[in-house]
Amino acid sequence: MGLEVFYEIGQALSETFSAVKGVGAALVIAGVAILLIIGVSIGLYALIRLIKRIPYMTVWEFIKFTVVFALALIVVGIVLP
């Protein structure tokens, strides 16, 4: 499973945009790149805010954070065998 899912998604996107040529293709690639950069930036911003908040968390908030972090690691472990 793992990275094959991302490969299939990439193939589906490339088939969808295969009809687009020239300036249109460049604009599509630029738009996707901008959306990707914005998404990564928002994710990093949220992660940095969360890391800064850890010392001020109550015990209950820290336990919830630890459980969510553990679940995220499990999902990453399933996707990347």
PDB file of N, CA and C in Angstrom:
ATOM      1  N   MET A   1       0.850  -1.169   0.000  1.00  0.00           N
ATOM      2  CA  MET A   1       0.000   0.000   0.000  1.00  0.00           C
ATOM      3  C   MET A   1       0.893   1.228   0.000  1.00  0.00           C
ATOM      4  N   GLY A   2       1.280   1.746   1.090  1.00  0.00           N
ATOM      5  CA  GLY A   2       2.264   2.798   1.267  1.00  0.00           C
ATOM      6  C   GLY A   2       2.268   3.888   0.223  1.00  0.00           C
ATOM      7  N   LEU A   3       3.414   4.064  -0.380  1.00  0.00           N
ATOM      8  CA  LEU A   3       3.612   5.152  -1.336  1.00  0.00           C
ATOM      9  C   LEU A   3       2.938   4.878  -2.677  1.00  0.00           C
ATOM     10  N   GLU A   4       2.465   3.662  -2.887  1.00  0.00           N
ATOM     11  CA  GLU A   4       1.783   3.341  -4.130  1.00  0.00           C
ATOM     12  C   GLU A   4       0.509   4.173  -4.288  1.00  0.00           C
ATOM     13  N   VAL A   5      -0.109   4.514  -3.168  1.00  0.00           N
ATOM     14  CA  VAL A   5      -1.314   5.344  -3.205  1.00  0.00           C
ATOM     15  C   VAL A   5      -0.987   6.701  -3.809  1.00  0.00           C
ATOM     16  N   PHE A   6       0.120   7.298  -3.370  1.00  0.00           N
ATOM     17  CA  PHE A   6       0.519   8.601  -3.904  1.00  0.00           C
ATOM     18  C   PHE A   6       0.891   8.496  -5.375  1.00  0.00           C
ATOM     19  N   TYR A   7       1.468   7.364  -5.780  1.00  0.00           N
ATOM     20  CA  TYR A   7       1.804   7.150  -7.181  1.00  0.00           C
ATOM     21  C   TYR A   7       0.540   7.103  -8.031  1.00  0.00           C
ATOM     22  N   GLU A   8      -0.485   6.394  -7.531  1.00  0.00           N
ATOM     23  CA  GLU A   8      -1.752   6.308  -8.259  1.00  0.00           C
ATOM     24  C   GLU A   8      -2.430   7.669  -8.346  1.00  0.00           C
ATOM     25  N   ILE A   9      -2.365   8.451  -7.276  1.00  0.00           N
ATOM     26  CA  ILE A   9      -2.936   9.801  -7.296  1.00  0.00           C
ATOM     27  C   ILE A   9      -2.207  10.654  -8.334  1.00  0.00           C
ATOM     28  N   GLY A  10      -0.887  10.542  -8.369  1.00  0.00           N
ATOM     29  CA  GLY A  10      -0.097  11.282  -9.351  1.00  0.00           C
ATOM     30  C   GLY A  10      -0.441  10.893 -10.773  1.00  0.00           C
ATOM     31  N   GLN A  11      -0.636   9.596 -10.999  1.00  0.00           N
ATOM     32  CA  GLN A  11      -1.020   9.148 -12.336  1.00  0.00           C
ATOM     33  C   GLN A  11      -2.388   9.690 -12.731  1.00  0.00           C
ATOM     34  N   ALA A  12      -3.325   9.662 -11.793  1.00  0.00           N
ATOM     35  CA  ALA A  12      -4.665  10.169 -12.094  1.00  0.00           C
ATOM     36  C   ALA A  12      -4.618  11.656 -12.427  1.00  0.00           C
ATOM     37  N   LEU A  13      -3.828  12.416 -11.663  1.00  0.00           N
ATOM     38  CA  LEU A  13      -3.706  13.849 -11.954  1.00  0.00           C
ATOM     39  C   LEU A  13      -3.027  14.092 -13.294  1.00  0.00           C
ATOM     40  N   SER A  14      -1.997  13.302 -13.601  1.00  0.00           N
ATOM     41  CA  SER A  14      -1.306  13.504 -14.877  1.00  0.00           C
ATOM     42  C   SER A  14      -2.214  13.155 -16.050  1.00  0.00           C
ATOM     43  N   GLU A  15      -3.071  12.142 -15.902  1.00  0.00           N
ATOM     44  CA  GLU A  15      -4.017  11.817 -16.964  1.00  0.00           C
ATOM     45  C   GLU A  15      -5.065  12.922 -17.123  1.00  0.00           C
ATOM     46  N   THR A  16      -5.464  13.512 -16.003  1.00  0.00           N
ATOM     47  CA  THR A  16      -6.457  14.578 -16.054  1.00  0.00           C
ATOM     48  C   THR A  16      -5.908  15.798 -16.774  1.00  0.00           C
ATOM     49  N   PHE A  17      -4.666  16.145 -16.489  1.00  0.00           N
ATOM     50  CA  PHE A  17      -4.070  17.351 -17.059  1.00  0.00           C
ATOM     51  C   PHE A  17      -3.278  17.071 -18.329  1.00  0.00           C
ATOM     52  N   SER A  18      -3.346  15.858 -18.879  1.00  0.00           N
ATOM     53  CA  SER A  18      -2.572  15.548 -20.080  1.00  0.00           C
ATOM     54  C   SER A  18      -3.085  16.310 -21.299  1.00  0.00           C
ATOM     55  N   ALA A  19      -4.348  16.677 -21.284  1.00  0.00           N
ATOM     56  CA  ALA A  19      -4.910  17.406 -22.423  1.00  0.00           C
ATOM     57  C   ALA A  19      -4.499  18.882 -22.406  1.00  0.00           C
ATOM     58  N   VAL A  20      -4.015  19.354 -21.269  1.00  0.00           N
ATOM     59  CA  VAL A  20      -3.631  20.757 -21.149  1.00  0.00           C
ATOM     60  C   VAL A  20      -2.200  20.908 -21.657  1.00  0.00           C
ATOM     61  N   LYS A  21      -2.004  21.831 -22.583  1.00  0.00           N
ATOM     62  CA  LYS A  21      -0.670  22.022 -23.170  1.00  0.00           C
ATOM     63  C   LYS A  21      -0.329  23.509 -23.202  1.00  0.00           C
ATOM     64  N   GLY A  22       0.931  23.805 -23.302  1.00  0.00           N
ATOM     65  CA  GLY A  22       1.398  25.174 -23.463  1.00  0.00           C
ATOM     66  C   GLY A  22       1.271  26.005 -22.203  1.00  0.00           C
ATOM     67  N   VAL A  23       0.758  27.216 -22.387  1.00  0.00           N
ATOM     68  CA  VAL A  23       0.637  28.167 -21.285  1.00  0.00           C
ATOM     69  C   VAL A  23      -0.331  27.639 -20.230  1.00  0.00           C
ATOM     70  N   GLY A  24      -1.377  26.940 -20.660  1.00  0.00           N
ATOM     71  CA  GLY A  24      -2.346  26.377 -19.727  1.00  0.00           C
ATOM     72  C   GLY A  24      -1.695  25.396 -18.767  1.00  0.00           C
ATOM     73  N   ALA A  25      -0.806  24.567 -19.289  1.00  0.00           N
ATOM     74  CA  ALA A  25      -0.111  23.595 -18.442  1.00  0.00           C
ATOM     75  C   ALA A  25       0.781  24.311 -17.429  1.00  0.00           C
ATOM     76  N   ALA A  26       1.456  25.357 -17.862  1.00  0.00           N
ATOM     77  CA  ALA A  26       2.312  26.113 -16.953  1.00  0.00           C
ATOM     78  C   ALA A  26       1.487  26.762 -15.846  1.00  0.00           C
ATOM     79  N   LEU A  27       0.319  27.289 -16.205  1.00  0.00           N
ATOM     80  CA  LEU A  27      -0.540  27.918 -15.206  1.00  0.00           C
ATOM     81  C   LEU A  27      -1.098  26.886 -14.222  1.00  0.00           C
ATOM     82  N   VAL A  28      -1.442  25.710 -14.721  1.00  0.00           N
ATOM     83  CA  VAL A  28      -1.932  24.651 -13.835  1.00  0.00           C
ATOM     84  C   VAL A  28      -0.841  24.229 -12.866  1.00  0.00           C
ATOM     85  N   ILE A  29       0.357  24.039 -13.356  1.00  0.00           N
ATOM     86  CA  ILE A  29       1.476  23.640 -12.498  1.00  0.00           C
ATOM     87  C   ILE A  29       1.774  24.729 -11.479  1.00  0.00           C
ATOM     88  N   ALA A  30       1.756  25.978 -11.898  1.00  0.00           N
ATOM     89  CA  ALA A  30       2.005  27.080 -10.977  1.00  0.00           C
ATOM     90  C   ALA A  30       0.922  27.139  -9.900  1.00  0.00           C
ATOM     91  N   GLY A  31      -0.334  26.948 -10.283  1.00  0.00           N
ATOM     92  CA  GLY A  31      -1.431  26.973  -9.318  1.00  0.00           C
ATOM     93  C   GLY A  31      -1.335  25.856  -8.303  1.00  0.00           C
ATOM     94  N   VAL A  32      -1.023  24.646  -8.772  1.00  0.00           N
ATOM     95  CA  VAL A  32      -0.873  23.513  -7.861  1.00  0.00           C
ATOM     96  C   VAL A  32       0.306  23.747  -6.921  1.00  0.00           C
ATOM     97  N   ALA A  33       1.395  24.292  -7.441  1.00  0.00           N
ATOM     98  CA  ALA A  33       2.561  24.570  -6.598  1.00  0.00           C
ATOM     99  C   ALA A  33       2.224  25.609  -5.529  1.00  0.00           C
ATOM    100  N   ILE A  34       1.492  26.640  -5.894  1.00  0.00           N
ATOM    101  CA  ILE A  34       1.108  27.669  -4.923  1.00  0.00           C
ATOM    102  C   ILE A  34       0.222  27.073  -3.838  1.00  0.00           C
ATOM    103  N   LEU A  35      -0.761  26.254  -4.226  1.00  0.00           N
ATOM    104  CA  LEU A  35      -1.628  25.610  -3.234  1.00  0.00           C
ATOM    105  C   LEU A  35      -0.832  24.691  -2.319  1.00  0.00           C
ATOM    106  N   LEU A  36       0.127  23.976  -2.865  1.00  0.00           N
ATOM    107  CA  LEU A  36       0.962  23.089  -2.057  1.00  0.00           C
ATOM    108  C   LEU A  36       1.803  23.884  -1.067  1.00  0.00           C
ATOM    109  N   ILE A  37       2.377  24.977  -1.511  1.00  0.00           N
ATOM    110  CA  ILE A  37       3.188  25.825  -0.626  1.00  0.00           C
ATOM    111  C   ILE A  37       2.323  26.411   0.486  1.00  0.00           C
ATOM    112  N   ILE A  38       1.121  26.859   0.149  1.00  0.00           N
ATOM    113  CA  ILE A  38       0.223  27.409   1.169  1.00  0.00           C
ATOM    114  C   ILE A  38      -0.146  26.327   2.185  1.00  0.00           C
ATOM    115  N   GLY A  39      -0.459  25.131   1.729  1.00  0.00           N
ATOM    116  CA  GLY A  39      -0.803  24.044   2.633  1.00  0.00           C
ATOM    117  C   GLY A  39       0.331  23.672   3.570  1.00  0.00           C
ATOM    118  N   VAL A  40       1.534  23.574   3.031  1.00  0.00           N
ATOM    119  CA  VAL A  40       2.693  23.250   3.868  1.00  0.00           C
ATOM    120  C   VAL A  40       2.957  24.373   4.863  1.00  0.00           C
ATOM    121  N   SER A  41       2.810  25.604   4.437  1.00  0.00           N
ATOM    122  CA  SER A  41       3.032  26.745   5.333  1.00  0.00           C
ATOM    123  C   SER A  41       2.038  26.751   6.490  1.00  0.00           C
ATOM    124  N   ILE A  42       0.768  26.493   6.195  1.00  0.00           N
ATOM    125  CA  ILE A  42      -0.244  26.450   7.256  1.00  0.00           C
ATOM    126  C   ILE A  42       0.055  25.306   8.219  1.00  0.00           C
ATOM    127  N   GLY A  43       0.454  24.159   7.686  1.00  0.00           N
ATOM    128  CA  GLY A  43       0.803  23.020   8.542  1.00  0.00           C
ATOM    129  C   GLY A  43       1.977  23.322   9.449  1.00  0.00           C
ATOM    130  N   LEU A  44       3.019  23.946   8.913  1.00  0.00           N
ATOM    131  CA  LEU A  44       4.185  24.304   9.729  1.00  0.00           C
ATOM    132  C   LEU A  44       3.829  25.346  10.783  1.00  0.00           C
ATOM    133  N   TYR A  45       3.005  26.307  10.415  1.00  0.00           N
ATOM    134  CA  TYR A  45       2.581  27.337  11.364  1.00  0.00           C
ATOM    135  C   TYR A  45       1.820  26.711  12.533  1.00  0.00           C
ATOM    136  N   ALA A  46       0.890  25.796  12.214  1.00  0.00           N
ATOM    137  CA  ALA A  46       0.123  25.134  13.270  1.00  0.00           C
ATOM    138  C   ALA A  46       1.024  24.282  14.152  1.00  0.00           C
ATOM    139  N   LEU A  47       1.992  23.586  13.547  1.00  0.00           N
ATOM    140  CA  LEU A  47       2.914  22.760  14.315  1.00  0.00           C
ATOM    141  C   LEU A  47       3.775  23.600  15.249  1.00  0.00           C
ATOM    142  N   ILE A  48       4.270  24.726  14.775  1.00  0.00           N
ATOM    143  CA  ILE A  48       5.099  25.599  15.611  1.00  0.00           C
ATOM    144  C   ILE A  48       4.283  26.163  16.763  1.00  0.00           C
ATOM    145  N   ARG A  49       3.037  26.572  16.494  1.00  0.00           N
ATOM    146  CA  ARG A  49       2.178  27.085  17.580  1.00  0.00           C
ATOM    147  C   ARG A  49       1.912  26.010  18.620  1.00  0.00           C
ATOM    148  N   LEU A  50       1.710  24.775  18.162  1.00  0.00           N
ATOM    149  CA  LEU A  50       1.462  23.675  19.089  1.00  0.00           C
ATOM    150  C   LEU A  50       2.686  23.381  19.940  1.00  0.00           C
ATOM    151  N   ILE A  51       3.853  23.394  19.333  1.00  0.00           N
ATOM    152  CA  ILE A  51       5.083  23.129  20.080  1.00  0.00           C
ATOM    153  C   ILE A  51       5.325  24.221  21.123  1.00  0.00           C
ATOM    154  N   LYS A  52       5.036  25.464  20.771  1.00  0.00           N
ATOM    155  CA  LYS A  52       5.202  26.555  21.731  1.00  0.00           C
ATOM    156  C   LYS A  52       4.210  26.440  22.888  1.00  0.00           C
ATOM    157  N   ARG A  53       3.067  25.806  22.641  1.00  0.00           N
ATOM    158  CA  ARG A  53       2.021  25.704  23.659  1.00  0.00           C
ATOM    159  C   ARG A  53       2.251  24.549  24.636  1.00  0.00           C
ATOM    160  N   ILE A  54       3.077  23.580  24.295  1.00  0.00           N
ATOM    161  CA  ILE A  54       3.266  22.394  25.133  1.00  0.00           C
ATOM    162  C   ILE A  54       3.630  22.731  26.580  1.00  0.00           C
ATOM    163  N   PRO A  55       4.554  23.636  26.859  1.00  0.00           N
ATOM    164  CA  PRO A  55       4.892  23.899  28.267  1.00  0.00           C
ATOM    165  C   PRO A  55       3.739  24.478  29.086  1.00  0.00           C
ATOM    166  N   TYR A  56       2.756  25.067  28.451  1.00  0.00           N
ATOM    167  CA  TYR A  56       1.649  25.705  29.164  1.00  0.00           C
ATOM    168  C   TYR A  56       0.396  24.830  29.224  1.00  0.00           C
ATOM    169  N   MET A  57       0.481  23.590  28.739  1.00  0.00           N
ATOM    170  CA  MET A  57      -0.674  22.702  28.722  1.00  0.00           C
ATOM    171  C   MET A  57      -0.957  22.135  30.113  1.00  0.00           C
ATOM    172  N   THR A  58      -2.246  21.905  30.357  1.00  0.00           N
ATOM    173  CA  THR A  58      -2.604  21.174  31.570  1.00  0.00           C
ATOM    174  C   THR A  58      -2.311  19.697  31.332  1.00  0.00           C
ATOM    175  N   VAL A  59      -2.414  18.906  32.371  1.00  0.00           N
ATOM    176  CA  VAL A  59      -2.136  17.473  32.238  1.00  0.00           C
ATOM    177  C   VAL A  59      -3.115  16.838  31.247  1.00  0.00           C
ATOM    178  N   TRP A  60      -4.395  17.179  31.362  1.00  0.00           N
ATOM    179  CA  TRP A  60      -5.402  16.612  30.471  1.00  0.00           C
ATOM    180  C   TRP A  60      -5.144  17.002  29.020  1.00  0.00           C
ATOM    181  N   GLU A  61      -4.787  18.250  28.758  1.00  0.00           N
ATOM    182  CA  GLU A  61      -4.477  18.684  27.387  1.00  0.00           C
ATOM    183  C   GLU A  61      -3.247  17.952  26.857  1.00  0.00           C
ATOM    184  N   PHE A  62      -2.251  17.748  27.714  1.00  0.00           N
ATOM    185  CA  PHE A  62      -1.039  17.056  27.286  1.00  0.00           C
ATOM    186  C   PHE A  62      -1.343  15.598  26.956  1.00  0.00           C
ATOM    187  N   ILE A  63      -2.211  14.957  27.739  1.00  0.00           N
ATOM    188  CA  ILE A  63      -2.591  13.574  27.445  1.00  0.00           C
ATOM    189  C   ILE A  63      -3.315  13.503  26.109  1.00  0.00           C
ATOM    190  N   LYS A  64      -4.235  14.434  25.850  1.00  0.00           N
ATOM    191  CA  LYS A  64      -4.929  14.454  24.562  1.00  0.00           C
ATOM    192  C   LYS A  64      -3.937  14.676  23.418  1.00  0.00           C
ATOM    193  N   PHE A  65      -2.991  15.586  23.618  1.00  0.00           N
ATOM    194  CA  PHE A  65      -1.968  15.848  22.602  1.00  0.00           C
ATOM    195  C   PHE A  65      -1.159  14.591  22.329  1.00  0.00           C
ATOM    196  N   THR A  66      -0.777  13.879  23.379  1.00  0.00           N
ATOM    197  CA  THR A  66       0.020  12.669  23.219  1.00  0.00           C
ATOM    198  C   THR A  66      -0.755  11.592  22.461  1.00  0.00           C
ATOM    199  N   VAL A  67      -2.048  11.445  22.765  1.00  0.00           N
ATOM    200  CA  VAL A  67      -2.870  10.452  22.070  1.00  0.00           C
ATOM    201  C   VAL A  67      -2.999  10.802  20.588  1.00  0.00           C
ATOM    202  N   VAL A  68      -3.255  12.061  20.281  1.00  0.00           N
ATOM    203  CA  VAL A  68      -3.382  12.480  18.879  1.00  0.00           C
ATOM    204  C   VAL A  68      -2.059  12.289  18.145  1.00  0.00           C
ATOM    205  N   PHE A  69      -0.958  12.623  18.805  1.00  0.00           N
ATOM    206  CA  PHE A  69       0.362  12.448  18.191  1.00  0.00           C
ATOM    207  C   PHE A  69       0.641  10.970  17.925  1.00  0.00           C
ATOM    208  N   ALA A  70       0.270  10.099  18.875  1.00  0.00           N
ATOM    209  CA  ALA A  70       0.461   8.662  18.694  1.00  0.00           C
ATOM    210  C   ALA A  70      -0.375   8.141  17.530  1.00  0.00           C
ATOM    211  N   LEU A  71      -1.615   8.603  17.424  1.00  0.00           N
ATOM    212  CA  LEU A  71      -2.464   8.186  16.306  1.00  0.00           C
ATOM    213  C   LEU A  71      -1.890   8.659  14.969  1.00  0.00           C
ATOM    214  N   ALA A  72      -1.351   9.871  14.949  1.00  0.00           N
ATOM    215  CA  ALA A  72      -0.734  10.375  13.718  1.00  0.00           C
ATOM    216  C   ALA A  72       0.476   9.517  13.327  1.00  0.00           C
ATOM    217  N   LEU A  73       1.259   9.110  14.310  1.00  0.00           N
ATOM    218  CA  LEU A  73       2.407   8.246  14.010  1.00  0.00           C
ATOM    219  C   LEU A  73       1.965   6.879  13.509  1.00  0.00           C
ATOM    220  N   ILE A  74       0.863   6.370  14.044  1.00  0.00           N
ATOM    221  CA  ILE A  74       0.341   5.085  13.572  1.00  0.00           C
ATOM    222  C   ILE A  74      -0.101   5.202  12.113  1.00  0.00           C
ATOM    223  N   VAL A  75      -0.789   6.290  11.774  1.00  0.00           N
ATOM    224  CA  VAL A  75      -1.223   6.484  10.390  1.00  0.00           C
ATOM    225  C   VAL A  75      -0.020   6.603   9.460  1.00  0.00           C
ATOM    226  N   VAL A  76       0.990   7.331   9.870  1.00  0.00           N
ATOM    227  CA  VAL A  76       2.201   7.456   9.045  1.00  0.00           C
ATOM    228  C   VAL A  76       2.869   6.098   8.899  1.00  0.00           C
ATOM    229  N   GLY A  77       2.879   5.327   9.979  1.00  0.00           N
ATOM    230  CA  GLY A  77       3.467   3.983   9.913  1.00  0.00           C
ATOM    231  C   GLY A  77       2.716   3.051   8.986  1.00  0.00           C
ATOM    232  N   ILE A  78       1.400   3.239   8.866  1.00  0.00           N
ATOM    233  CA  ILE A  78       0.610   2.409   7.959  1.00  0.00           C
ATOM    234  C   ILE A  78       0.840   2.832   6.510  1.00  0.00           C
ATOM    235  N   VAL A  79       0.909   4.145   6.278  1.00  0.00           N
ATOM    236  CA  VAL A  79       1.064   4.652   4.909  1.00  0.00           C
ATOM    237  C   VAL A  79       2.476   4.396   4.382  1.00  0.00           C
ATOM    238  N   LEU A  80       3.471   4.533   5.236  1.00  0.00           N
ATOM    239  CA  LEU A  80       4.864   4.318   4.817  1.00  0.00           C
ATOM    240  C   LEU A  80       5.394   3.033   5.434  1.00  0.00           C
ATOM    241  N   PRO A  81       5.187   1.912   4.758  1.00  0.00           N
ATOM    242  CA  PRO A  81       5.625   0.634   5.354  1.00  0.00           C
ATOM    243  C   PRO A  81       7.125   0.506   5.378  1.00  0.00           C
TER     244      PRO A  81
END
